[in-house]
């Protein structure tokens, strides 16, 4: 899937992540692998404060558009915050937690989508 064909929600999420200096964002296409979500968006921060800031900004910006998560987990410790928006599940990791849980390896069978073309639109 080309980045230009991605749902607008992912484009908005990616723009917010870039504004908050999220590190190593990745997008996985899960549509052929699982019924519970179409995409995983994974990003990391270098501190729990940055992880929390990314989470709060995504929530605040999407709230303005009346888009609300179905579920959020991990905001208390901010080592791994999961935001479930149905079509896309966002994983915001502290760098060490991202290495430990290694979702990229667990979902290696899915297609990774290049987000670099979206960075020019952000």
PDB file of N, CA and C in Angstrom:
ATOM      1  N   UNK A   1       0.846  -1.180   0.000  1.00  0.00           N
ATOM      2  CA  UNK A   1       0.000   0.000   0.000  1.00  0.00           C
ATOM      3  C   UNK A   1       0.888   1.239   0.000  1.00  0.00           C
ATOM      4  N   UNK A   2       0.590   2.173  -0.863  1.00  0.00           N
ATOM      5  CA  UNK A   2       1.341   3.415  -0.911  1.00  0.00           C
ATOM      6  C   UNK A   2       0.883   4.322   0.219  1.00  0.00           C
ATOM      7  N   UNK A   3       1.805   5.120   0.706  1.00  0.00           N
ATOM      8  CA  UNK A   3       1.502   6.005   1.828  1.00  0.00           C
ATOM      9  C   UNK A   3       0.372   6.972   1.487  1.00  0.00           C
ATOM     10  N   UNK A   4       0.289   7.405   0.238  1.00  0.00           N
ATOM     11  CA  UNK A   4      -0.754   8.356  -0.134  1.00  0.00           C
ATOM     12  C   UNK A   4      -2.154   7.754  -0.007  1.00  0.00           C
ATOM     13  N   UNK A   5      -2.272   6.438  -0.082  1.00  0.00           N
ATOM     14  CA  UNK A   5      -3.571   5.769  -0.001  1.00  0.00           C
ATOM     15  C   UNK A   5      -3.966   5.432   1.438  1.00  0.00           C
ATOM     16  N   UNK A   6      -3.150   5.816   2.404  1.00  0.00           N
ATOM     17  CA  UNK A   6      -3.454   5.511   3.802  1.00  0.00           C
ATOM     18  C   UNK A   6      -4.670   6.295   4.286  1.00  0.00           C
ATOM     19  N   UNK A   7      -5.386   5.744   5.253  1.00  0.00           N
ATOM     20  CA  UNK A   7      -6.512   6.490   5.834  1.00  0.00           C
ATOM     21  C   UNK A   7      -6.044   7.813   6.452  1.00  0.00           C
ATOM     22  N   UNK A   8      -6.899   8.823   6.385  1.00  0.00           N
ATOM     23  CA  UNK A   8      -6.567  10.141   6.926  1.00  0.00           C
ATOM     24  C   UNK A   8      -6.211  10.078   8.409  1.00  0.00           C
ATOM     25  N   UNK A   9      -6.830   9.179   9.150  1.00  0.00           N
ATOM     26  CA  UNK A   9      -6.534   9.065  10.578  1.00  0.00           C
ATOM     27  C   UNK A   9      -5.051   8.780  10.802  1.00  0.00           C
ATOM     28  N   UNK A  10      -4.485   7.884  10.017  1.00  0.00           N
ATOM     29  CA  UNK A  10      -3.060   7.565  10.160  1.00  0.00           C
ATOM     30  C   UNK A  10      -2.211   8.770   9.796  1.00  0.00           C
ATOM     31  N   UNK A  11      -2.593   9.491   8.773  1.00  0.00           N
ATOM     32  CA  UNK A  11      -1.834  10.690   8.385  1.00  0.00           C
ATOM     33  C   UNK A  11      -1.848  11.724   9.504  1.00  0.00           C
ATOM     34  N   UNK A  12      -2.999  11.903  10.161  1.00  0.00           N
ATOM     35  CA  UNK A  12      -3.088  12.859  11.270  1.00  0.00           C
ATOM     36  C   UNK A  12      -2.243  12.394  12.450  1.00  0.00           C
ATOM     37  N   UNK A  13      -2.324  11.111  12.760  1.00  0.00           N
ATOM     38  CA  UNK A  13      -1.527  10.563  13.861  1.00  0.00           C
ATOM     39  C   UNK A  13      -0.045  10.772  13.577  1.00  0.00           C
ATOM     40  N   UNK A  14       0.370  10.468  12.375  1.00  0.00           N
ATOM     41  CA  UNK A  14       1.790  10.597  12.021  1.00  0.00           C
ATOM     42  C   UNK A  14       2.258  12.053  12.125  1.00  0.00           C
ATOM     43  N   UNK A  15       1.442  12.975  11.675  1.00  0.00           N
ATOM     44  CA  UNK A  15       1.796  14.402  11.768  1.00  0.00           C
ATOM     45  C   UNK A  15       2.003  14.805  13.225  1.00  0.00           C
ATOM     46  N   UNK A  16       1.106  14.374  14.098  1.00  0.00           N
ATOM     47  CA  UNK A  16       1.211  14.693  15.532  1.00  0.00           C
ATOM     48  C   UNK A  16       2.479  14.092  16.121  1.00  0.00           C
ATOM     49  N   UNK A  17       2.763  12.849  15.779  1.00  0.00           N
ATOM     50  CA  UNK A  17       3.965  12.176  16.279  1.00  0.00           C
ATOM     51  C   UNK A  17       5.219  12.932  15.845  1.00  0.00           C
ATOM     52  N   UNK A  18       5.256  13.367  14.605  1.00  0.00           N
ATOM     53  CA  UNK A  18       6.425  14.123  14.134  1.00  0.00           C
ATOM     54  C   UNK A  18       6.565  15.445  14.876  1.00  0.00           C
ATOM     55  N   UNK A  19       5.439  16.114  15.138  1.00  0.00           N
ATOM     56  CA  UNK A  19       5.484  17.377  15.885  1.00  0.00           C
ATOM     57  C   UNK A  19       6.034  17.180  17.293  1.00  0.00           C
ATOM     58  N   UNK A  20       5.765  16.031  17.884  1.00  0.00           N
ATOM     59  CA  UNK A  20       6.230  15.724  19.245  1.00  0.00           C
ATOM     60  C   UNK A  20       7.570  14.987  19.242  1.00  0.00           C
ATOM     61  N   UNK A  21       8.197  14.919  18.083  1.00  0.00           N
ATOM     62  CA  UNK A  21       9.534  14.318  17.944  1.00  0.00           C
ATOM     63  C   UNK A  21       9.586  12.841  18.314  1.00  0.00           C
ATOM     64  N   UNK A  22       8.513  12.110  18.008  1.00  0.00           N
ATOM     65  CA  UNK A  22       8.523  10.669  18.217  1.00  0.00           C
ATOM     66  C   UNK A  22       9.607  10.023  17.366  1.00  0.00           C
ATOM     67  N   UNK A  23      10.174   8.952  17.869  1.00  0.00           N
ATOM     68  CA  UNK A  23      11.310   8.322  17.203  1.00  0.00           C
ATOM     69  C   UNK A  23      10.934   6.997  16.541  1.00  0.00           C
ATOM     70  N   UNK A  24      11.492   6.797  15.377  1.00  0.00           N
ATOM     71  CA  UNK A  24      11.352   5.550  14.613  1.00  0.00           C
ATOM     72  C   UNK A  24       9.907   5.091  14.441  1.00  0.00           C
ATOM     73  N   UNK A  25       9.046   5.943  13.902  1.00  0.00           N
ATOM     74  CA  UNK A  25       7.667   5.490  13.683  1.00  0.00           C
ATOM     75  C   UNK A  25       7.607   4.424  12.591  1.00  0.00           C
ATOM     76  N   UNK A  26       6.800   3.410  12.850  1.00  0.00           N
ATOM     77  CA  UNK A  26       6.579   2.336  11.884  1.00  0.00           C
ATOM     78  C   UNK A  26       5.089   2.076  11.772  1.00  0.00           C
ATOM     79  N   UNK A  27       4.672   1.669  10.597  1.00  0.00           N
ATOM     80  CA  UNK A  27       3.274   1.320  10.367  1.00  0.00           C
ATOM     81  C   UNK A  27       3.217  -0.065   9.752  1.00  0.00           C
ATOM     82  N   UNK A  28       2.403  -0.925  10.359  1.00  0.00           N
ATOM     83  CA  UNK A  28       2.221  -2.278   9.856  1.00  0.00           C
ATOM     84  C   UNK A  28       0.793  -2.455   9.372  1.00  0.00           C
ATOM     85  N   UNK A  29       0.656  -3.058   8.207  1.00  0.00           N
ATOM     86  CA  UNK A  29      -0.642  -3.368   7.615  1.00  0.00           C
ATOM     87  C   UNK A  29      -1.038  -4.770   8.077  1.00  0.00           C
ATOM     88  N   UNK A  30      -2.078  -4.849   8.891  1.00  0.00           N
ATOM     89  CA  UNK A  30      -2.511  -6.126   9.480  1.00  0.00           C
ATOM     90  C   UNK A  30      -3.781  -6.678   8.856  1.00  0.00           C
ATOM     91  N   UNK A  31      -4.274  -6.029   7.816  1.00  0.00           N
ATOM     92  CA  UNK A  31      -5.590  -6.399   7.279  1.00  0.00           C
ATOM     93  C   UNK A  31      -5.693  -7.857   6.849  1.00  0.00           C
ATOM     94  N   UNK A  32      -4.615  -8.445   6.380  1.00  0.00           N
ATOM     95  CA  UNK A  32      -4.664  -9.845   5.961  1.00  0.00           C
ATOM     96  C   UNK A  32      -4.310 -10.809   7.083  1.00  0.00           C
ATOM     97  N   UNK A  33      -3.975 -10.282   8.264  1.00  0.00           N
ATOM     98  CA  UNK A  33      -3.491 -11.131   9.351  1.00  0.00           C
ATOM     99  C   UNK A  33      -4.406 -11.224  10.560  1.00  0.00           C
ATOM    100  N   UNK A  34      -5.203 -10.205  10.801  1.00  0.00           N
ATOM    101  CA  UNK A  34      -5.993 -10.187  12.027  1.00  0.00           C
ATOM    102  C   UNK A  34      -7.303  -9.425  11.837  1.00  0.00           C
ATOM    103  N   UNK A  35      -8.348  -9.845  12.519  1.00  0.00           N
ATOM    104  CA  UNK A  35      -9.633  -9.145  12.391  1.00  0.00           C
ATOM    105  C   UNK A  35      -9.796  -7.966  13.353  1.00  0.00           C
ATOM    106  N   UNK A  36      -8.904  -7.795  14.326  1.00  0.00           N
ATOM    107  CA  UNK A  36      -9.152  -6.790  15.359  1.00  0.00           C
ATOM    108  C   UNK A  36      -8.661  -5.386  15.022  1.00  0.00           C
ATOM    109  N   UNK A  37      -7.812  -5.239  14.025  1.00  0.00           N
ATOM    110  CA  UNK A  37      -7.361  -3.907  13.613  1.00  0.00           C
ATOM    111  C   UNK A  37      -6.741  -4.000  12.228  1.00  0.00           C
ATOM    112  N   UNK A  38      -6.786  -2.892  11.505  1.00  0.00           N
ATOM    113  CA  UNK A  38      -6.185  -2.858  10.172  1.00  0.00           C
ATOM    114  C   UNK A  38      -4.703  -2.491  10.214  1.00  0.00           C
ATOM    115  N   UNK A  39      -4.333  -1.633  11.172  1.00  0.00           N
ATOM    116  CA  UNK A  39      -2.968  -1.128  11.217  1.00  0.00           C
ATOM    117  C   UNK A  39      -2.450  -1.049  12.644  1.00  0.00           C
ATOM    118  N   UNK A  40      -1.143  -1.259  12.802  1.00  0.00           N
ATOM    119  CA  UNK A  40      -0.415  -0.941  14.032  1.00  0.00           C
ATOM    120  C   UNK A  40       0.512   0.209  13.695  1.00  0.00           C
ATOM    121  N   UNK A  41       0.426   1.266  14.477  1.00  0.00           N
ATOM    122  CA  UNK A  41       1.366   2.380  14.370  1.00  0.00           C
ATOM    123  C   UNK A  41       2.240   2.311  15.623  1.00  0.00           C
ATOM    124  N   UNK A  42       3.539   2.152  15.432  1.00  0.00           N
ATOM    125  CA  UNK A  42       4.472   2.002  16.545  1.00  0.00           C
ATOM    126  C   UNK A  42       5.461   3.161  16.521  1.00  0.00           C
ATOM    127  N   UNK A  43       5.671   3.757  17.691  1.00  0.00           N
ATOM    128  CA  UNK A  43       6.621   4.866  17.817  1.00  0.00           C
ATOM    129  C   UNK A  43       7.229   4.804  19.207  1.00  0.00           C
ATOM    130  N   UNK A  44       8.389   5.398  19.367  1.00  0.00           N
ATOM    131  CA  UNK A  44       8.999   5.415  20.696  1.00  0.00           C
ATOM    132  C   UNK A  44       9.431   6.818  21.074  1.00  0.00           C
ATOM    133  N   UNK A  45       9.617   6.982  22.384  1.00  0.00           N
ATOM    134  CA  UNK A  45      10.129   8.225  22.951  1.00  0.00           C
ATOM    135  C   UNK A  45      11.291   7.905  23.858  1.00  0.00           C
ATOM    136  N   UNK A  46      12.115   8.882  24.119  1.00  0.00           N
ATOM    137  CA  UNK A  46      13.320   8.662  24.915  1.00  0.00           C
ATOM    138  C   UNK A  46      13.108   8.850  26.400  1.00  0.00           C
ATOM    139  N   UNK A  47      11.904   9.261  26.811  1.00  0.00           N
ATOM    140  CA  UNK A  47      11.597   9.387  28.240  1.00  0.00           C
ATOM    141  C   UNK A  47      10.107   9.143  28.450  1.00  0.00           C
ATOM    142  N   UNK A  48       9.733   8.791  29.689  1.00  0.00           N
ATOM    143  CA  UNK A  48       8.310   8.602  29.962  1.00  0.00           C
ATOM    144  C   UNK A  48       7.555   9.914  29.768  1.00  0.00           C
ATOM    145  N   UNK A  49       8.215  11.016  29.999  1.00  0.00           N
ATOM    146  CA  UNK A  49       7.592  12.325  29.786  1.00  0.00           C
ATOM    147  C   UNK A  49       7.251  12.550  28.310  1.00  0.00           C
ATOM    148  N   UNK A  50       8.179  12.181  27.414  1.00  0.00           N
ATOM    149  CA  UNK A  50       7.910  12.338  25.988  1.00  0.00           C
ATOM    150  C   UNK A  50       6.829  11.358  25.532  1.00  0.00           C
ATOM    151  N   UNK A  51       6.875  10.125  26.017  1.00  0.00           N
ATOM    152  CA  UNK A  51       5.854   9.139  25.663  1.00  0.00           C
ATOM    153  C   UNK A  51       4.479   9.669  26.056  1.00  0.00           C
ATOM    154  N   UNK A  52       4.374  10.201  27.259  1.00  0.00           N
ATOM    155  CA  UNK A  52       3.112  10.749  27.743  1.00  0.00           C
ATOM    156  C   UNK A  52       2.685  11.966  26.912  1.00  0.00           C
ATOM    157  N   UNK A  53       3.646  12.799  26.518  1.00  0.00           N
ATOM    158  CA  UNK A  53       3.328  13.984  25.712  1.00  0.00           C
ATOM    159  C   UNK A  53       2.789  13.593  24.338  1.00  0.00           C
ATOM    160  N   UNK A  54       3.379  12.576  23.730  1.00  0.00           N
ATOM    161  CA  UNK A  54       2.882  12.090  22.438  1.00  0.00           C
ATOM    162  C   UNK A  54       1.445  11.591  22.600  1.00  0.00           C
ATOM    163  N   UNK A  55       1.221  10.786  23.619  1.00  0.00           N
ATOM    164  CA  UNK A  55      -0.120  10.259  23.895  1.00  0.00           C
ATOM    165  C   UNK A  55      -1.132  11.387  24.089  1.00  0.00           C
ATOM    166  N   UNK A  56      -0.800  12.349  24.946  1.00  0.00           N
ATOM    167  CA  UNK A  56      -1.747  13.427  25.254  1.00  0.00           C
ATOM    168  C   UNK A  56      -2.047  14.285  24.034  1.00  0.00           C
ATOM    169  N   UNK A  57      -1.034  14.512  23.200  1.00  0.00           N
ATOM    170  CA  UNK A  57      -1.256  15.338  22.011  1.00  0.00           C
ATOM    171  C   UNK A  57      -2.124  14.613  20.982  1.00  0.00           C
ATOM    172  N   UNK A  58      -1.887  13.326  20.795  1.00  0.00           N
ATOM    173  CA  UNK A  58      -2.749  12.553  19.889  1.00  0.00           C
ATOM    174  C   UNK A  58      -4.187  12.613  20.389  1.00  0.00           C
ATOM    175  N   UNK A  59      -4.368  12.336  21.678  1.00  0.00           N
ATOM    176  CA  UNK A  59      -5.705  12.337  22.254  1.00  0.00           C
ATOM    177  C   UNK A  59      -6.373  13.705  22.109  1.00  0.00           C
ATOM    178  N   UNK A  60      -5.654  14.775  22.415  1.00  0.00           N
ATOM    179  CA  UNK A  60      -6.219  16.128  22.359  1.00  0.00           C
ATOM    180  C   UNK A  60      -6.577  16.545  20.932  1.00  0.00           C
ATOM    181  N   UNK A  61      -5.666  16.289  19.986  1.00  0.00           N
ATOM    182  CA  UNK A  61      -5.920  16.708  18.604  1.00  0.00           C
ATOM    183  C   UNK A  61      -7.075  15.929  17.979  1.00  0.00           C
ATOM    184  N   UNK A  62      -7.125  14.624  18.229  1.00  0.00           N
ATOM    185  CA  UNK A  62      -8.214  13.832  17.657  1.00  0.00           C
ATOM    186  C   UNK A  62      -9.536  14.120  18.360  1.00  0.00           C
ATOM    187  N   UNK A  63      -9.477  14.444  19.646  1.00  0.00           N
ATOM    188  CA  UNK A  63     -10.676  14.822  20.402  1.00  0.00           C
ATOM    189  C   UNK A  63     -11.344  16.047  19.762  1.00  0.00           C
ATOM    190  N   UNK A  64     -10.534  16.982  19.280  1.00  0.00           N
ATOM    191  CA  UNK A  64     -11.071  18.182  18.611  1.00  0.00           C
ATOM    192  C   UNK A  64     -11.903  17.815  17.379  1.00  0.00           C
ATOM    193  N   UNK A  65     -11.611  16.653  16.794  1.00  0.00           N
ATOM    194  CA  UNK A  65     -12.328  16.194  15.609  1.00  0.00           C
ATOM    195  C   UNK A  65     -13.397  15.155  15.973  1.00  0.00           C
ATOM    196  N   UNK A  66     -13.690  15.057  17.277  1.00  0.00           N
ATOM    197  CA  UNK A  66     -14.657  14.082  17.781  1.00  0.00           C
ATOM    198  C   UNK A  66     -14.263  12.643  17.466  1.00  0.00           C
ATOM    199  N   UNK A  67     -12.962  12.382  17.513  1.00  0.00           N
ATOM    200  CA  UNK A  67     -12.436  11.027  17.331  1.00  0.00           C
ATOM    201  C   UNK A  67     -11.887  10.603  18.687  1.00  0.00           C
ATOM    202  N   UNK A  68     -12.431   9.523  19.218  1.00  0.00           N
ATOM    203  CA  UNK A  68     -12.079   9.074  20.564  1.00  0.00           C
ATOM    204  C   UNK A  68     -11.559   7.640  20.519  1.00  0.00           C
ATOM    205  N   UNK A  69     -10.588   7.324  21.362  1.00  0.00           N
ATOM    206  CA  UNK A  69     -10.111   5.935  21.398  1.00  0.00           C
ATOM    207  C   UNK A  69     -11.162   5.023  22.012  1.00  0.00           C
ATOM    208  N   UNK A  70     -11.192   3.797  21.537  1.00  0.00           N
ATOM    209  CA  UNK A  70     -12.062   2.790  22.124  1.00  0.00           C
ATOM    210  C   UNK A  70     -11.508   2.338  23.469  1.00  0.00           C
ATOM    211  N   UNK A  71     -10.186   2.383  23.580  1.00  0.00           N
ATOM    212  CA  UNK A  71      -9.526   1.904  24.788  1.00  0.00           C
ATOM    213  C   UNK A  71      -8.114   2.488  24.853  1.00  0.00           C
ATOM    214  N   UNK A  72      -7.656   2.779  26.066  1.00  0.00           N
ATOM    215  CA  UNK A  72      -6.289   3.248  26.299  1.00  0.00           C
ATOM    216  C   UNK A  72      -5.733   2.473  27.482  1.00  0.00           C
ATOM    217  N   UNK A  73      -4.486   2.045  27.368  1.00  0.00           N
ATOM    218  CA  UNK A  73      -3.805   1.357  28.468  1.00  0.00           C
ATOM    219  C   UNK A  73      -2.398   1.912  28.617  1.00  0.00           C
ATOM    220  N   UNK A  74      -1.903   1.923  29.843  1.00  0.00           N
ATOM    221  CA  UNK A  74      -0.502   2.220  30.113  1.00  0.00           C
ATOM    222  C   UNK A  74      -0.140   3.657  30.371  1.00  0.00           C
ATOM    223  N   UNK A  75      -1.131   4.552  30.400  1.00  0.00           N
ATOM    224  CA  UNK A  75      -0.797   5.969  30.566  1.00  0.00           C
ATOM    225  C   UNK A  75      -0.224   6.288  31.945  1.00  0.00           C
ATOM    226  N   UNK A  76      -0.470   5.423  32.930  1.00  0.00           N
ATOM    227  CA  UNK A  76       0.041   5.680  34.284  1.00  0.00           C
ATOM    228  C   UNK A  76       1.563   5.603  34.334  1.00  0.00           C
ATOM    229  N   UNK A  77       2.130   4.547  33.740  1.00  0.00           N
ATOM    230  CA  UNK A  77       3.586   4.363  33.797  1.00  0.00           C
ATOM    231  C   UNK A  77       4.296   4.944  32.586  1.00  0.00           C
ATOM    232  N   UNK A  78       3.609   5.038  31.471  1.00  0.00           N
ATOM    233  CA  UNK A  78       4.143   5.593  30.222  1.00  0.00           C
ATOM    234  C   UNK A  78       5.373   4.835  29.716  1.00  0.00           C
ATOM    235  N   UNK A  79       5.416   3.536  29.962  1.00  0.00           N
ATOM    236  CA  UNK A  79       6.470   2.711  29.369  1.00  0.00           C
ATOM    237  C   UNK A  79       5.986   2.141  28.040  1.00  0.00           C
ATOM    238  N   UNK A  80       4.668   1.906  27.957  1.00  0.00           N
ATOM    239  CA  UNK A  80       4.028   1.442  26.725  1.00  0.00           C
ATOM    240  C   UNK A  80       2.574   1.881  26.818  1.00  0.00           C
ATOM    241  N   UNK A  81       2.225   2.871  26.029  1.00  0.00           N
ATOM    242  CA  UNK A  81       0.839   3.333  25.987  1.00  0.00           C
ATOM    243  C   UNK A  81       0.209   2.809  24.707  1.00  0.00           C
ATOM    244  N   UNK A  82      -0.901   2.127  24.869  1.00  0.00           N
ATOM    245  CA  UNK A  82      -1.648   1.586  23.745  1.00  0.00           C
ATOM    246  C   UNK A  82      -2.925   2.400  23.597  1.00  0.00           C
ATOM    247  N   UNK A  83      -3.159   2.897  22.392  1.00  0.00           N
ATOM    248  CA  UNK A  83      -4.375   3.653  22.076  1.00  0.00           C
ATOM    249  C   UNK A  83      -5.093   2.914  20.946  1.00  0.00           C
ATOM    250  N   UNK A  84      -6.284   2.421  21.233  1.00  0.00           N
ATOM    251  CA  UNK A  84      -7.043   1.648  20.259  1.00  0.00           C
ATOM    252  C   UNK A  84      -8.092   2.542  19.611  1.00  0.00           C
ATOM    253  N   UNK A  85      -7.877   2.851  18.334  1.00  0.00           N
ATOM    254  CA  UNK A  85      -8.841   3.626  17.565  1.00  0.00           C
ATOM    255  C   UNK A  85      -9.582   2.739  16.566  1.00  0.00           C
ATOM    256  N   UNK A  86      -9.648   1.442  16.837  1.00  0.00           N
ATOM    257  CA  UNK A  86     -10.360   0.509  15.961  1.00  0.00           C
ATOM    258  C   UNK A  86      -9.550   0.171  14.734  1.00  0.00           C
ATOM    259  N   UNK A  87      -9.612   1.008  13.748  1.00  0.00           N
ATOM    260  CA  UNK A  87      -8.903   0.790  12.490  1.00  0.00           C
ATOM    261  C   UNK A  87      -7.385   0.802  12.684  1.00  0.00           C
ATOM    262  N   UNK A  88      -6.931   1.592  13.644  1.00  0.00           N
ATOM    263  CA  UNK A  88      -5.497   1.675  13.916  1.00  0.00           C
ATOM    264  C   UNK A  88      -5.267   1.610  15.427  1.00  0.00           C
ATOM    265  N   UNK A  89      -4.290   0.802  15.805  1.00  0.00           N
ATOM    266  CA  UNK A  89      -3.879   0.729  17.202  1.00  0.00           C
ATOM    267  C   UNK A  89      -2.502   1.365  17.287  1.00  0.00           C
ATOM    268  N   UNK A  90      -2.377   2.338  18.170  1.00  0.00           N
ATOM    269  CA  UNK A  90      -1.129   3.073  18.341  1.00  0.00           C
ATOM    270  C   UNK A  90      -0.393   2.509  19.552  1.00  0.00           C
ATOM    271  N   UNK A  91       0.881   2.216  19.361  1.00  0.00           N
ATOM    272  CA  UNK A  91       1.750   1.747  20.437  1.00  0.00           C
ATOM    273  C   UNK A  91       2.838   2.806  20.623  1.00  0.00           C
ATOM    274  N   UNK A  92       2.824   3.472  21.760  1.00  0.00           N
ATOM    275  CA  UNK A  92       3.836   4.480  22.060  1.00  0.00           C
ATOM    276  C   UNK A  92       4.722   3.909  23.159  1.00  0.00           C
ATOM    277  N   UNK A  93       5.959   3.645  22.823  1.00  0.00           N
ATOM    278  CA  UNK A  93       6.870   2.954  23.715  1.00  0.00           C
ATOM    279  C   UNK A  93       7.977   3.855  24.244  1.00  0.00           C
ATOM    280  N   UNK A  94       8.388   3.612  25.470  1.00  0.00           N
ATOM    281  CA  UNK A  94       9.675   4.049  25.948  1.00  0.00           C
ATOM    282  C   UNK A  94      10.682   3.185  25.191  1.00  0.00           C
ATOM    283  N   UNK A  95      11.805   3.754  24.772  1.00  0.00           N
ATOM    284  CA  UNK A  95      12.744   3.010  23.921  1.00  0.00           C
ATOM    285  C   UNK A  95      13.096   1.628  24.467  1.00  0.00           C
ATOM    286  N   UNK A  96      13.390   1.550  25.753  1.00  0.00           N
ATOM    287  CA  UNK A  96      13.771   0.263  26.337  1.00  0.00           C
ATOM    288  C   UNK A  96      12.627  -0.754  26.268  1.00  0.00           C
ATOM    289  N   UNK A  97      11.410  -0.294  26.489  1.00  0.00           N
ATOM    290  CA  UNK A  97      10.245  -1.183  26.427  1.00  0.00           C
ATOM    291  C   UNK A  97      10.009  -1.664  24.999  1.00  0.00           C
ATOM    292  N   UNK A  98      10.224  -0.793  24.042  1.00  0.00           N
ATOM    293  CA  UNK A  98      10.049  -1.190  22.646  1.00  0.00           C
ATOM    294  C   UNK A  98      11.021  -2.302  22.279  1.00  0.00           C
ATOM    295  N   UNK A  99      12.266  -2.172  22.717  1.00  0.00           N
ATOM    296  CA  UNK A  99      13.252  -3.225  22.452  1.00  0.00           C
ATOM    297  C   UNK A  99      12.848  -4.532  23.141  1.00  0.00           C
ATOM    298  N   UNK A 100      12.382  -4.429  24.372  1.00  0.00           N
ATOM    299  CA  UNK A 100      12.023  -5.621  25.140  1.00  0.00           C
ATOM    300  C   UNK A 100      10.843  -6.372  24.514  1.00  0.00           C
ATOM    301  N   UNK A 101       9.777  -5.665  24.184  1.00  0.00           N
ATOM    302  CA  UNK A 101       8.574  -6.320  23.649  1.00  0.00           C
ATOM    303  C   UNK A 101       8.691  -6.660  22.168  1.00  0.00           C
ATOM    304  N   UNK A 102       9.492  -5.916  21.431  1.00  0.00           N
ATOM    305  CA  UNK A 102       9.854  -6.231  20.049  1.00  0.00           C
ATOM    306  C   UNK A 102       8.657  -6.591  19.169  1.00  0.00           C
ATOM    307  N   UNK A 103       7.669  -5.703  19.134  1.00  0.00           N
ATOM    308  CA  UNK A 103       6.489  -5.948  18.296  1.00  0.00           C
ATOM    309  C   UNK A 103       6.842  -6.068  16.819  1.00  0.00           C
ATOM    310  N   UNK A 104       7.893  -5.380  16.409  1.00  0.00           N
ATOM    311  CA  UNK A 104       8.314  -5.462  15.008  1.00  0.00           C
ATOM    312  C   UNK A 104       8.627  -6.914  14.635  1.00  0.00           C
ATOM    313  N   UNK A 105       9.250  -7.641  15.542  1.00  0.00           N
ATOM    314  CA  UNK A 105       9.568  -9.049  15.289  1.00  0.00           C
ATOM    315  C   UNK A 105       8.303  -9.908  15.347  1.00  0.00           C
ATOM    316  N   UNK A 106       7.452  -9.638  16.325  1.00  0.00           N
ATOM    317  CA  UNK A 106       6.222 -10.425  16.475  1.00  0.00           C
ATOM    318  C   UNK A 106       5.307 -10.301  15.258  1.00  0.00           C
ATOM    319  N   UNK A 107       5.292  -9.129  14.635  1.00  0.00           N
ATOM    320  CA  UNK A 107       4.426  -8.888  13.491  1.00  0.00           C
ATOM    321  C   UNK A 107       5.215  -8.830  12.185  1.00  0.00           C
ATOM    322  N   UNK A 108       6.328  -9.542  12.133  1.00  0.00           N
ATOM    323  CA  UNK A 108       7.200  -9.521  10.957  1.00  0.00           C
ATOM    324  C   UNK A 108       6.509 -10.036   9.691  1.00  0.00           C
ATOM    325  N   UNK A 109       5.451 -10.830   9.847  1.00  0.00           N
ATOM    326  CA  UNK A 109       4.724 -11.349   8.679  1.00  0.00           C
ATOM    327  C   UNK A 109       3.843 -10.291   8.015  1.00  0.00           C
ATOM    328  N   UNK A 110       3.637  -9.175   8.694  1.00  0.00           N
ATOM    329  CA  UNK A 110       2.800  -8.120   8.119  1.00  0.00           C
ATOM    330  C   UNK A 110       3.644  -7.215   7.223  1.00  0.00           C
ATOM    331  N   UNK A 111       2.965  -6.491   6.371  1.00  0.00           N
ATOM    332  CA  UNK A 111       3.649  -5.550   5.485  1.00  0.00           C
ATOM    333  C   UNK A 111       3.942  -4.266   6.244  1.00  0.00           C
ATOM    334  N   UNK A 112       5.168  -3.808   6.139  1.00  0.00           N
ATOM    335  CA  UNK A 112       5.553  -2.530   6.725  1.00  0.00           C
ATOM    336  C   UNK A 112       5.348  -1.458   5.665  1.00  0.00           C
ATOM    337  N   UNK A 113       4.783  -0.345   6.071  1.00  0.00           N
ATOM    338  CA  UNK A 113       4.466   0.730   5.133  1.00  0.00           C
ATOM    339  C   UNK A 113       5.428   1.885   5.354  1.00  0.00           C
ATOM    340  N   UNK A 114       6.017   2.371   4.279  1.00  0.00           N
ATOM    341  CA  UNK A 114       6.973   3.476   4.342  1.00  0.00           C
ATOM    342  C   UNK A 114       6.231   4.777   4.643  1.00  0.00           C
ATOM    343  N   UNK A 115       6.570   5.385   5.771  1.00  0.00           N
ATOM    344  CA  UNK A 115       5.927   6.630   6.184  1.00  0.00           C
ATOM    345  C   UNK A 115       6.704   7.869   5.738  1.00  0.00           C
ATOM    346  N   UNK A 116       7.855   7.683   5.111  1.00  0.00           N
ATOM    347  CA  UNK A 116       8.699   8.838   4.780  1.00  0.00           C
ATOM    348  C   UNK A 116       8.014   9.805   3.812  1.00  0.00           C
ATOM    349  N   UNK A 117       7.158   9.311   2.933  1.00  0.00           N
ATOM    350  CA  UNK A 117       6.470  10.215   2.018  1.00  0.00           C
ATOM    351  C   UNK A 117       5.469  11.106   2.745  1.00  0.00           C
ATOM    352  N   UNK A 118       4.948  10.636   3.881  1.00  0.00           N
ATOM    353  CA  UNK A 118       4.024  11.451   4.652  1.00  0.00           C
ATOM    354  C   UNK A 118       4.732  12.579   5.366  1.00  0.00           C
ATOM    355  N   UNK A 119       6.020  12.429   5.638  1.00  0.00           N
ATOM    356  CA  UNK A 119       6.766  13.433   6.385  1.00  0.00           C
ATOM    357  C   UNK A 119       6.884  14.732   5.600  1.00  0.00           C
ATOM    358  N   UNK A 120       6.781  14.658   4.294  1.00  0.00           N
ATOM    359  CA  UNK A 120       6.820  15.874   3.483  1.00  0.00           C
ATOM    360  C   UNK A 120       5.498  16.639   3.570  1.00  0.00           C
ATOM    361  N   UNK A 121       4.416  15.918   3.893  1.00  0.00           N
ATOM    362  CA  UNK A 121       3.096  16.539   3.997  1.00  0.00           C
ATOM    363  C   UNK A 121       2.829  17.094   5.387  1.00  0.00           C
ATOM    364  N   UNK A 122       3.642  16.669   6.357  1.00  0.00           N
ATOM    365  CA  UNK A 122       3.392  17.050   7.767  1.00  0.00           C
ATOM    366  C   UNK A 122       3.714  18.493   8.026  1.00  0.00           C
TER     367      UNK A 122
END
